[in-house]
Amino acid sequence: MSIGVLDINDSNLQLWHEGITVQSPGYVLFQEKEYRFGLPARAAARLQPRDINTRYWWQLSTETLQPALGPARHTGDLAHAHLKQLHHEAKSPSEVLLAVSGSMQREQLALLLGIVQQCPFDAVGLINRSVALASLYSGERILHLEIQLHQAVISELTKQDHQIELQRTTPLPGCGLLQLQERMVELIAAAFVRQTRFDPRRKADSEQQLYDALPAALQTLQNASETNLEVNGYQARISAHGLQAAGKQLFDSVRETVGVLRPDDQIIADPLAALLPGLTATFERIAVLQPDDVRRALQAHQAQLVQREQALSFVTALPCLDAEVVSSDAANKGPPVTPSAAQPPAQASTTEPTHVLYRHRAQPLMETGTTLEGGCDIYRGNKGWQLRDSVTPAIVNGATYHSGQILACGDTINTGQDDTDAALLIEVVV
């Protein structure tokens, strides 16, 4: 059985297991004598605010829950119920690697591990999520911008001797996802009043519609300067420029925290941060993370993260993955080359595959990951289909696979000792 990977960030908890991805923001709704977590709870946040809690991960503790929410005694009970639901929806992995924020206090980490002991799975690793993400990037100093529900967080990491290590974690109060959404909703509601004389915030149902429509509108504004947003039959024209004021406090806090950027510094930002208009224009040297980067990093480091026979330690330093590739190239090829400069073997085709043929069975390729025997994982990156690191180096078309190499139809992949038992990438035409 494969090990599940759980990324605990309350703006969007994610659990990956055997090709399944479960996403669930840290909202809980108590309705009809039961708890509902994630998207169903978020969809009722403006309609039933007294029956909603969004602070149980941020304020994880055993203190009496105030105000009360159903039978839960404290926020730890709510976190426990949320973890059990995630585990069930991910087809019940028996073992899980945990990635958590550096903003989680020591007492909260101890409580989290105690909660996990009461869950139907074993925690076999505990890693700082910023360290895991930073191991995917180059740069002597890496600054990770993390967006949680009630605060933003800047984690500063430094590289030394091919290892990335956490230096400090700084919370940015008032810059969480909920506050950012509130400021954008205020600006959008004002635009509705100006353009239509309709105030979507006057009633709970129309206000909920506005919150529900916001993510899609922000996605559209990533590639357009303006978009129409409809609530209750009314339409308002919203511009990216008009929403930039919503991020001013966050932008100012980030500038103050990171200081003057040096040429070899790199900022990496959670995907949710990238939806905020003006972020990439304000910070030129910023890279936006992919939604599954935590999974990719933890699977690459899995061999050294798994701790089965001992008490879990909180990992705050990891080898840089790019450094590992360079070391491997130096040992096997002679002169060192960087992953970006490595020349991949000649490919049989430039056509994108749709399936992998293995032992006479064609399996559809899943963008989040398709696992072959031997631990080889095919996933879709920014530029096409690629392989994730496995315990045994993958052989593609008879040569060692290089990180970042794009796969195409006709490529053969082998992760075992028998060269005749290889997987073949193919295109299935319907």
Protein backbone atom coordinates (compact mmCIF):
# COMPACT_ATOMS: atom_id res chain seq x y z
CA MET A 1 0.00 0.00 0.00
CA SER A 2 1.29 3.49 -0.83
CA ILE A 3 1.78 6.15 1.82
CA GLY A 4 -0.69 9.06 1.82
CA VAL A 5 0.54 12.66 1.86
CA LEU A 6 -1.43 15.18 3.94
CA ASP A 7 -0.80 18.92 3.57
CA ILE A 8 -2.31 20.74 6.57
CA ASN A 9 -2.97 24.33 5.55
CA ASP A 10 -6.43 25.39 6.72
CA SER A 11 -7.10 27.44 3.59
CA ASN A 12 -7.16 24.11 1.71
CA LEU A 13 -6.20 20.82 3.35
CA GLN A 14 -5.10 18.25 0.76
CA LEU A 15 -4.64 14.50 1.03
CA TRP A 16 -3.14 12.48 -1.83
CA HIS A 17 -3.31 8.69 -1.98
CA GLU A 18 -3.06 6.27 -4.88
CA GLY A 19 -4.10 8.76 -7.56
CA ILE A 20 -6.86 10.31 -5.41
CA THR A 21 -6.70 13.98 -4.38
CA VAL A 22 -9.02 15.17 -1.61
CA GLN A 23 -9.26 18.93 -1.00
CA SER A 24 -11.10 20.40 1.97
CA PRO A 25 -10.84 23.98 3.32
CA GLY A 26 -10.87 24.34 7.10
CA TYR A 27 -14.56 25.12 7.52
CA VAL A 28 -16.95 23.09 9.68
CA LEU A 29 -20.75 23.39 9.75
CA PHE A 30 -22.88 21.79 12.47
CA GLN A 31 -26.23 21.00 10.90
CA GLU A 32 -28.88 18.39 11.62
CA LYS A 33 -26.84 16.98 14.50
CA GLU A 34 -23.77 16.27 12.38
CA TYR A 35 -20.59 18.00 11.23
CA ARG A 36 -19.95 18.88 7.62
CA PHE A 37 -16.44 19.91 6.60
CA GLY A 38 -14.87 21.65 3.64
CA LEU A 39 -16.78 22.96 0.66
CA PRO A 40 -20.34 22.25 1.95
CA ALA A 41 -19.53 24.20 5.10
CA ARG A 42 -17.92 27.06 3.17
CA ALA A 43 -21.04 27.32 0.98
CA ALA A 44 -23.09 28.04 4.12
CA ALA A 45 -20.69 30.47 5.79
CA ARG A 46 -22.78 33.60 5.10
CA LEU A 47 -26.11 31.81 5.44
CA GLN A 48 -25.53 30.17 8.83
CA PRO A 49 -22.63 32.04 10.44
CA ARG A 50 -23.53 30.90 13.98
CA ASP A 51 -23.20 27.25 12.93
CA ILE A 52 -19.77 27.68 11.31
CA ASN A 53 -16.25 27.48 12.74
CA THR A 54 -13.12 28.36 10.73
CA ARG A 55 -10.64 28.68 13.62
CA TYR A 56 -10.22 25.11 14.76
CA TRP A 57 -6.93 24.50 12.91
CA TRP A 58 -5.54 27.98 13.61
CA GLN A 59 -6.45 27.78 17.33
CA LEU A 60 -5.87 24.04 17.77
CA SER A 61 -6.03 23.32 21.51
CA THR A 62 -7.91 21.51 24.26
CA GLU A 63 -9.45 24.66 25.70
CA THR A 64 -13.24 24.68 25.93
CA LEU A 65 -14.75 25.64 22.60
CA GLN A 66 -16.24 29.15 22.67
CA PRO A 67 -18.84 29.52 21.31
CA ALA A 68 -19.94 25.90 21.47
CA LEU A 69 -20.55 24.02 18.21
CA GLY A 70 -22.40 20.76 18.68
CA PRO A 71 -20.94 18.07 20.95
CA ALA A 72 -17.27 19.00 20.30
CA ARG A 73 -15.47 19.88 23.54
CA HIS A 74 -12.64 21.80 21.92
CA THR A 75 -11.01 22.53 18.57
CA GLY A 76 -9.02 19.29 18.84
CA ASP A 77 -12.28 17.34 18.52
CA LEU A 78 -13.14 19.21 15.31
CA ALA A 79 -9.67 18.61 13.84
CA HIS A 80 -9.98 14.91 14.68
CA ALA A 81 -13.34 14.64 12.90
CA HIS A 82 -11.96 16.52 9.88
CA LEU A 83 -8.97 14.17 9.61
CA LYS A 84 -11.23 11.12 9.77
CA GLN A 85 -13.37 12.47 6.92
CA LEU A 86 -10.31 13.22 4.77
CA HIS A 87 -8.96 9.74 5.44
CA HIS A 88 -12.23 8.11 4.43
CA GLU A 89 -12.55 10.14 1.21
CA ALA A 90 -8.96 9.24 0.21
CA LYS A 91 -9.72 5.49 0.37
CA SER A 92 -8.23 5.00 3.82
CA PRO A 93 -4.41 5.04 3.56
CA SER A 94 -2.88 3.06 6.43
CA GLU A 95 0.13 5.40 6.68
CA VAL A 96 0.37 9.16 6.14
CA LEU A 97 3.17 11.72 5.87
CA LEU A 98 2.16 15.02 7.47
CA ALA A 99 3.23 18.46 6.19
CA VAL A 100 2.41 21.34 8.54
CA SER A 101 3.12 25.05 8.73
CA GLY A 102 5.95 26.53 10.77
CA SER A 103 3.34 28.77 12.42
CA MET A 104 2.02 25.75 14.37
CA GLN A 105 3.29 26.00 17.94
CA ARG A 106 5.12 23.18 19.75
CA GLU A 107 2.09 22.44 21.95
CA GLN A 108 -0.13 22.31 18.87
CA LEU A 109 2.22 19.87 17.13
CA ALA A 110 2.15 17.61 20.19
CA LEU A 111 -1.67 17.80 20.27
CA LEU A 112 -1.85 17.07 16.52
CA LEU A 113 0.23 13.91 16.94
CA GLY A 114 -1.98 12.89 19.86
CA ILE A 115 -5.07 13.40 17.70
CA VAL A 116 -3.55 11.35 14.88
CA GLN A 117 -2.97 8.47 17.31
CA GLN A 118 -6.76 8.30 17.68
CA CYS A 119 -7.26 8.24 13.88
CA PRO A 120 -7.49 5.09 11.73
CA PHE A 121 -4.03 5.67 10.20
CA ASP A 122 -0.44 5.95 11.37
CA ALA A 123 1.61 9.13 10.97
CA VAL A 124 5.03 8.03 9.68
CA GLY A 125 6.59 11.44 9.08
CA LEU A 126 6.23 15.10 10.12
CA ILE A 127 7.73 17.83 7.92
CA ASN A 128 7.64 21.61 7.77
CA ARG A 129 5.73 22.29 4.55
CA SER A 130 7.83 25.35 3.65
CA VAL A 131 11.04 23.31 3.85
CA ALA A 132 9.54 20.64 1.59
CA LEU A 133 8.42 23.22 -0.97
CA ALA A 134 11.70 25.14 -0.88
CA SER A 135 13.64 21.94 -1.63
CA LEU A 136 12.15 22.08 -5.14
CA TYR A 137 13.74 25.47 -5.88
CA SER A 138 17.20 26.93 -6.27
CA GLY A 139 18.42 30.07 -4.52
CA GLU A 140 20.60 30.83 -1.52
CA ARG A 141 17.63 32.35 0.34
CA ILE A 142 14.05 31.29 -0.28
CA LEU A 143 11.03 33.09 1.15
CA HIS A 144 7.76 31.16 1.21
CA LEU A 145 4.50 33.13 1.28
CA GLU A 146 1.81 30.91 2.78
CA ILE A 147 -1.86 31.95 2.86
CA GLN A 148 -3.89 30.52 5.74
CA LEU A 149 -7.50 31.34 6.56
CA HIS A 150 -6.78 33.82 9.36
CA GLN A 151 -3.23 34.96 8.63
CA ALA A 152 -0.47 34.89 6.09
CA VAL A 153 2.96 33.52 6.97
CA ILE A 154 6.45 34.21 5.63
CA SER A 155 8.99 31.45 6.14
CA GLU A 156 12.65 32.26 5.49
CA LEU A 157 14.87 29.38 4.40
CA THR A 158 18.54 29.28 3.49
CA LYS A 159 20.66 26.87 1.47
CA GLN A 160 24.01 25.62 2.71
CA ASP A 161 25.99 22.59 1.56
CA HIS A 162 23.16 21.47 -0.74
CA GLN A 163 20.65 21.52 2.13
CA ILE A 164 17.66 23.82 2.65
CA GLU A 165 16.95 24.76 6.26
CA LEU A 166 14.24 26.79 8.00
CA GLN A 167 15.54 29.96 9.67
CA ARG A 168 12.40 31.69 10.90
CA THR A 169 8.64 31.88 10.46
CA THR A 170 6.84 35.23 10.67
CA PRO A 171 3.02 35.48 10.88
CA LEU A 172 1.40 38.40 9.04
CA PRO A 173 -1.78 39.20 11.04
CA GLY A 174 -4.80 40.54 9.18
CA CYS A 175 -3.59 39.08 5.86
CA GLY A 176 -5.36 35.73 5.86
CA LEU A 177 -7.60 34.44 3.08
CA LEU A 178 -10.76 35.44 4.94
CA GLN A 179 -9.58 39.04 5.38
CA LEU A 180 -8.43 39.27 1.76
CA GLN A 181 -11.79 37.95 0.57
CA GLU A 182 -13.64 40.42 2.79
CA ARG A 183 -11.74 43.37 1.31
CA MET A 184 -12.36 42.20 -2.26
CA VAL A 185 -16.05 41.62 -1.55
CA GLU A 186 -16.33 45.15 -0.17
CA LEU A 187 -14.84 46.56 -3.38
CA ILE A 188 -17.05 44.39 -5.57
CA ALA A 189 -20.19 45.24 -3.61
CA ALA A 190 -19.39 48.93 -4.01
CA ALA A 191 -19.09 48.37 -7.77
CA PHE A 192 -22.53 46.71 -7.80
CA VAL A 193 -24.05 49.67 -5.96
CA ARG A 194 -22.44 52.18 -8.35
CA GLN A 195 -23.40 50.30 -11.49
CA THR A 196 -26.77 48.74 -10.60
CA ARG A 197 -27.87 50.24 -7.26
CA PHE A 198 -28.09 46.68 -5.98
CA ASP A 199 -26.16 45.83 -2.81
CA PRO A 200 -25.40 42.09 -2.73
CA ARG A 201 -24.38 42.33 0.93
CA ARG A 202 -27.80 43.44 2.13
CA LYS A 203 -29.13 39.85 2.30
CA ALA A 204 -27.36 36.68 3.35
CA ASP A 205 -28.29 34.65 0.27
CA SER A 206 -27.01 37.21 -2.24
CA GLU A 207 -23.90 37.80 -0.13
CA GLN A 208 -23.22 34.05 -0.23
CA GLN A 209 -23.64 34.12 -4.00
CA LEU A 210 -21.05 36.87 -4.19
CA TYR A 211 -18.53 34.88 -2.13
CA ASP A 212 -19.23 31.77 -4.19
CA ALA A 213 -18.64 33.65 -7.46
CA LEU A 214 -15.40 35.30 -6.31
CA PRO A 215 -12.91 32.43 -7.02
CA ALA A 216 -14.01 32.02 -10.65
CA ALA A 217 -13.88 35.79 -11.19
CA LEU A 218 -10.32 35.93 -9.83
CA GLN A 219 -9.31 33.05 -12.09
CA THR A 220 -10.65 34.98 -15.10
CA LEU A 221 -8.77 38.11 -14.04
CA GLN A 222 -5.50 36.18 -14.22
CA ASN A 223 -5.74 36.45 -18.00
CA ALA A 224 -8.06 39.43 -18.50
CA SER A 225 -8.17 42.98 -17.21
CA GLU A 226 -11.95 42.91 -16.59
CA THR A 227 -14.78 40.44 -16.09
CA ASN A 228 -18.52 40.43 -15.45
CA LEU A 229 -19.77 39.11 -12.12
CA GLU A 230 -23.44 38.19 -11.69
CA VAL A 231 -25.38 38.02 -8.43
CA ASN A 232 -29.15 37.59 -8.17
CA GLY A 233 -29.65 38.55 -11.81
CA TYR A 234 -27.58 41.74 -11.50
CA GLN A 235 -24.25 42.16 -13.31
CA ALA A 236 -21.30 44.36 -12.46
CA ARG A 237 -18.07 44.94 -14.36
CA ILE A 238 -15.04 44.16 -12.17
CA SER A 239 -11.45 45.05 -13.04
CA ALA A 240 -8.20 43.56 -11.76
CA HIS A 241 -6.88 47.07 -11.18
CA GLY A 242 -9.91 47.91 -9.06
CA LEU A 243 -9.24 44.97 -6.74
CA GLN A 244 -5.55 45.62 -6.17
CA ALA A 245 -6.24 47.72 -3.07
CA ALA A 246 -7.47 44.56 -1.32
CA GLY A 247 -3.92 43.21 -1.20
CA LYS A 248 -2.16 46.38 -0.07
CA GLN A 249 -1.80 45.32 3.59
CA LEU A 250 -0.42 41.93 2.55
CA PHE A 251 2.00 43.44 0.03
CA ASP A 252 3.26 45.98 2.57
CA SER A 253 3.69 43.29 5.24
CA VAL A 254 5.62 41.03 2.86
CA ARG A 255 7.95 43.89 1.85
CA GLU A 256 8.63 44.77 5.47
CA THR A 257 9.30 41.15 6.42
CA VAL A 258 11.55 40.09 3.52
CA GLY A 259 13.53 43.33 3.36
CA VAL A 260 15.73 44.12 0.36
CA LEU A 261 15.91 41.17 -2.01
CA ARG A 262 19.35 40.03 -3.09
CA PRO A 263 20.06 38.75 -6.62
CA ASP A 264 20.04 35.09 -5.50
CA ASP A 265 16.84 35.39 -3.40
CA GLN A 266 13.64 33.64 -4.50
CA ILE A 267 10.05 34.17 -3.32
CA ILE A 268 7.65 31.25 -3.70
CA ALA A 269 3.92 31.74 -3.11
CA ASP A 270 0.99 29.44 -2.46
CA PRO A 271 -1.41 29.08 -5.43
CA LEU A 272 -4.13 30.99 -3.55
CA ALA A 273 -1.84 34.00 -3.22
CA ALA A 274 -1.41 34.15 -6.99
CA LEU A 275 -5.16 34.82 -7.41
CA LEU A 276 -4.74 38.14 -5.65
CA PRO A 277 -4.63 40.92 -8.29
CA GLY A 278 -1.32 42.77 -8.29
CA LEU A 279 0.82 40.14 -6.53
CA THR A 280 3.07 39.17 -9.44
CA ALA A 281 3.33 42.79 -10.61
CA THR A 282 4.37 43.91 -7.11
CA PHE A 283 7.00 41.20 -6.62
CA GLU A 284 8.92 40.53 -9.83
CA ARG A 285 11.04 37.69 -8.43
CA ILE A 286 8.19 35.44 -7.37
CA ALA A 287 7.30 31.87 -8.39
CA VAL A 288 3.79 30.51 -7.96
CA LEU A 289 3.63 27.00 -6.51
CA GLN A 290 1.58 24.23 -8.08
CA PRO A 291 -1.29 22.71 -6.05
CA ASP A 292 0.48 19.33 -5.79
CA ASP A 293 4.01 20.56 -5.06
CA VAL A 294 3.84 19.37 -1.43
CA ARG A 295 3.03 15.87 -2.60
CA ARG A 296 5.80 15.98 -5.19
CA ALA A 297 8.37 17.09 -2.61
CA LEU A 298 7.37 14.60 0.08
CA GLN A 299 7.33 11.69 -2.33
CA ALA A 300 10.79 12.65 -3.58
CA HIS A 301 12.10 12.74 0.03
CA GLN A 302 9.99 9.82 1.24
CA ALA A 303 12.88 7.45 1.98
CA GLN A 304 14.40 9.77 4.57
CA LEU A 305 11.13 11.19 5.96
CA VAL A 306 9.47 7.93 6.95
CA GLN A 307 10.00 7.17 10.67
CA ARG A 308 8.17 4.00 11.65
CA GLU A 309 10.08 2.64 14.60
CA GLN A 310 10.66 5.85 16.55
CA ALA A 311 8.90 8.93 17.88
CA LEU A 312 8.33 11.43 15.09
CA SER A 313 10.66 14.41 14.93
CA PHE A 314 9.63 17.64 13.18
CA VAL A 315 11.84 17.86 10.07
CA THR A 316 12.99 21.43 9.37
CA ALA A 317 15.89 20.74 6.97
CA LEU A 318 16.11 18.68 3.78
CA PRO A 319 18.56 18.10 0.91
CA CYS A 320 17.87 20.27 -2.13
CA LEU A 321 16.40 18.15 -4.88
CA ASP A 322 18.24 20.08 -7.59
CA ALA A 323 21.51 19.38 -5.76
CA GLU A 324 20.73 15.67 -5.70
CA VAL A 325 20.24 15.67 -9.47
CA VAL A 326 23.56 17.46 -9.98
CA SER A 327 25.34 14.98 -7.72
CA SER A 328 23.81 12.06 -9.59
CA ASP A 329 24.85 13.54 -12.95
CA ALA A 330 28.39 14.14 -11.68
CA ALA A 331 28.72 10.55 -10.50
CA ASN A 332 27.34 8.98 -13.66
CA LYS A 333 28.14 11.42 -16.48
CA GLY A 334 31.36 13.18 -15.50
CA PRO A 335 31.05 17.01 -15.66
CA PRO A 336 28.12 18.29 -13.57
CA VAL A 337 25.07 19.70 -15.32
CA THR A 338 22.02 21.45 -13.94
CA PRO A 339 18.55 19.94 -14.50
CA SER A 340 17.63 22.74 -16.90
CA ALA A 341 20.77 22.20 -18.98
CA ALA A 342 20.55 18.42 -19.12
CA GLN A 343 19.88 17.09 -22.59
CA PRO A 344 17.17 14.41 -22.58
CA PRO A 345 17.44 11.32 -24.77
CA ALA A 346 15.90 11.54 -28.21
CA GLN A 347 12.16 10.97 -28.05
CA ALA A 348 10.23 8.82 -30.44
CA SER A 349 7.54 11.44 -30.97
CA THR A 350 6.37 14.92 -29.98
CA THR A 351 2.74 13.77 -29.64
CA GLU A 352 1.38 13.93 -26.10
CA PRO A 353 0.40 10.52 -24.72
CA THR A 354 -3.00 9.80 -23.22
CA HIS A 355 -2.34 6.32 -21.79
CA VAL A 356 0.45 4.11 -20.51
CA LEU A 357 0.57 0.53 -21.81
CA TYR A 358 1.94 -1.89 -19.23
CA ARG A 359 1.66 -5.69 -19.33
CA HIS A 360 -0.91 -5.54 -22.16
CA ARG A 361 -3.16 -3.12 -20.25
CA ALA A 362 -3.70 0.52 -21.27
CA GLN A 363 -4.17 2.82 -18.24
CA PRO A 364 -5.33 6.45 -18.65
CA LEU A 365 -2.80 9.05 -17.52
CA MET A 366 -4.04 11.12 -14.57
CA GLU A 367 -2.80 14.72 -14.30
CA THR A 368 -2.34 14.34 -10.53
CA GLY A 369 -0.26 11.20 -10.98
CA THR A 370 -0.26 7.66 -12.37
CA THR A 371 1.91 5.23 -10.41
CA LEU A 372 3.71 2.31 -12.06
CA GLU A 373 5.31 -0.64 -10.31
CA GLY A 374 8.63 0.25 -8.77
CA GLY A 375 7.41 3.60 -7.45
CA CYS A 376 7.65 5.49 -10.74
CA ASP A 377 4.99 8.21 -10.92
CA ILE A 378 3.89 9.90 -14.18
CA TYR A 379 2.30 13.32 -13.65
CA ARG A 380 1.45 16.38 -15.71
CA GLY A 381 3.71 19.37 -15.07
CA ASN A 382 3.58 22.87 -16.53
CA LYS A 383 5.14 21.80 -19.85
CA GLY A 384 3.87 18.25 -20.23
CA TRP A 385 4.07 14.73 -18.81
CA GLN A 386 7.03 14.09 -16.51
CA LEU A 387 8.29 11.55 -13.96
CA ARG A 388 8.63 11.98 -10.24
CA ASP A 389 11.68 10.60 -8.45
CA SER A 390 11.48 6.94 -7.46
CA VAL A 391 13.69 4.81 -5.22
CA THR A 392 15.18 3.18 -8.32
CA PRO A 393 16.15 5.70 -11.04
CA ALA A 394 13.79 5.42 -13.99
CA ILE A 395 15.19 4.48 -17.40
CA VAL A 396 13.53 6.23 -20.34
CA ASN A 397 14.41 5.05 -23.84
CA GLY A 398 17.44 3.24 -22.42
CA ALA A 399 18.93 6.24 -20.59
CA THR A 400 18.56 7.60 -17.03
CA TYR A 401 15.64 10.00 -16.75
CA HIS A 402 16.59 13.64 -16.10
CA SER A 403 14.46 15.85 -13.86
CA GLY A 404 12.24 18.08 -15.98
CA GLN A 405 12.44 15.86 -19.08
CA ILE A 406 9.15 15.89 -21.03
CA LEU A 407 7.68 12.55 -22.08
CA ALA A 408 6.03 11.81 -25.42
CA CYS A 409 4.27 9.00 -27.25
CA GLY A 410 6.58 6.07 -27.94
CA ASP A 411 8.75 6.61 -24.86
CA THR A 412 9.49 3.46 -22.87
CA ILE A 413 9.85 3.61 -19.08
CA ASN A 414 11.56 1.02 -16.93
CA THR A 415 12.11 1.11 -13.16
CA GLY A 416 13.07 -2.53 -12.55
CA GLN A 417 15.80 -4.95 -13.48
CA ASP A 418 14.02 -6.57 -16.43
CA ASP A 419 14.35 -4.40 -19.54
CA THR A 420 11.67 -6.42 -21.30
CA ASP A 421 9.05 -5.43 -18.71
CA ALA A 422 8.78 -1.73 -19.63
CA ALA A 423 5.83 0.64 -19.82
CA LEU A 424 5.05 2.29 -23.16
CA LEU A 425 3.44 5.74 -23.53
CA ILE A 426 0.73 5.74 -26.20
CA GLU A 427 -2.07 7.90 -27.58
CA VAL A 428 -5.55 6.36 -27.59
CA VAL A 429 -7.69 7.93 -30.32
CA VAL A 430 -11.43 7.77 -29.67
